[in-house]
């Protein structure tokens, strides 16, 4: 048995909706519901928004101006 973490939404009529990866075969499943607090939901929305806004910049190879060869090792005292 494998476990897959999904994020979903419960609407006003108490219907659960979630996108399931193609690796999950059609058929019965067991669902554990862990309610998310408003603060956690807002933090997730903020993170998703930043990822969406910065996606083009982060995937632009011209932004890769540093390599592993750059810089100097940190010396601990």
Protein backbone atom coordinates (compact mmCIF):
# COMPACT_ATOMS: atom_id res chain seq x y z
CA UNK A 1 0.00 0.00 0.00
CA UNK A 2 1.34 3.43 -0.88
CA UNK A 3 0.30 6.75 0.62
CA UNK A 4 -0.13 9.86 -1.52
CA UNK A 5 -0.63 13.29 0.04
CA UNK A 6 -3.20 15.38 -1.82
CA UNK A 7 -4.60 18.84 -1.28
CA UNK A 8 -8.28 19.35 -1.87
CA UNK A 9 -11.20 21.60 -1.12
CA UNK A 10 -14.54 21.11 0.62
CA UNK A 11 -17.26 23.36 -0.81
CA UNK A 12 -20.34 24.81 0.87
CA UNK A 13 -22.33 21.64 0.14
CA UNK A 14 -19.63 19.57 1.91
CA UNK A 15 -18.35 17.97 -1.33
CA UNK A 16 -14.65 17.13 -1.41
CA UNK A 17 -12.68 17.77 -4.59
CA UNK A 18 -9.03 17.01 -5.27
CA UNK A 19 -6.78 16.38 -8.26
CA UNK A 20 -5.36 12.86 -8.14
CA UNK A 21 -2.12 11.91 -9.94
CA UNK A 22 -2.34 9.50 -12.87
CA UNK A 23 -0.46 6.88 -10.85
CA UNK A 24 -3.58 6.29 -8.72
CA UNK A 25 -5.86 3.69 -10.31
CA UNK A 26 -9.63 4.25 -10.36
CA UNK A 27 -11.40 2.50 -7.49
CA UNK A 28 -12.14 2.85 -3.80
CA UNK A 29 -9.78 4.84 -1.56
CA UNK A 30 -9.63 5.75 2.11
CA UNK A 31 -9.55 9.47 2.86
CA UNK A 32 -8.23 11.08 6.04
CA UNK A 33 -9.35 14.70 6.43
CA UNK A 34 -7.08 17.14 8.27
CA UNK A 35 -8.69 20.60 8.41
CA UNK A 36 -6.34 23.50 7.67
CA UNK A 37 -6.52 26.66 9.79
CA UNK A 38 -7.13 30.00 8.08
CA UNK A 39 -3.54 31.07 8.82
CA UNK A 40 -2.14 27.91 7.20
CA UNK A 41 -4.42 28.37 4.19
CA UNK A 42 -3.34 32.00 3.76
CA UNK A 43 0.33 31.05 4.08
CA UNK A 44 -0.12 28.35 1.43
CA UNK A 45 -1.89 30.80 -0.87
CA UNK A 46 0.92 33.31 -0.41
CA UNK A 47 3.59 30.70 -1.17
CA UNK A 48 1.70 29.50 -4.25
CA UNK A 49 1.27 33.10 -5.44
CA UNK A 50 4.98 33.84 -5.11
CA UNK A 51 5.89 30.63 -6.94
CA UNK A 52 3.45 31.53 -9.74
CA UNK A 53 4.73 35.13 -10.03
CA UNK A 54 8.42 34.17 -10.00
CA UNK A 55 8.13 31.03 -12.15
CA UNK A 56 9.41 32.72 -15.32
CA UNK A 57 12.35 34.37 -13.56
CA UNK A 58 13.32 31.23 -11.66
CA UNK A 59 13.29 29.09 -14.81
CA UNK A 60 15.26 31.66 -16.87
CA UNK A 61 18.83 30.36 -17.45
CA UNK A 62 20.07 33.98 -17.73
CA UNK A 63 19.32 34.32 -14.00
CA UNK A 64 21.83 31.56 -13.16
CA UNK A 65 24.77 33.91 -12.57
CA UNK A 66 26.49 31.85 -9.89
CA UNK A 67 27.97 28.36 -10.00
CA UNK A 68 29.30 25.96 -7.37
CA UNK A 69 32.80 27.22 -8.28
CA UNK A 70 31.95 30.78 -7.17
CA UNK A 71 32.69 32.09 -3.71
CA UNK A 72 34.92 30.86 -0.94
CA UNK A 73 34.38 28.17 1.68
CA UNK A 74 33.15 29.37 5.05
CA UNK A 75 35.73 28.85 7.77
CA UNK A 76 34.31 28.00 11.14
CA UNK A 77 36.24 29.15 14.21
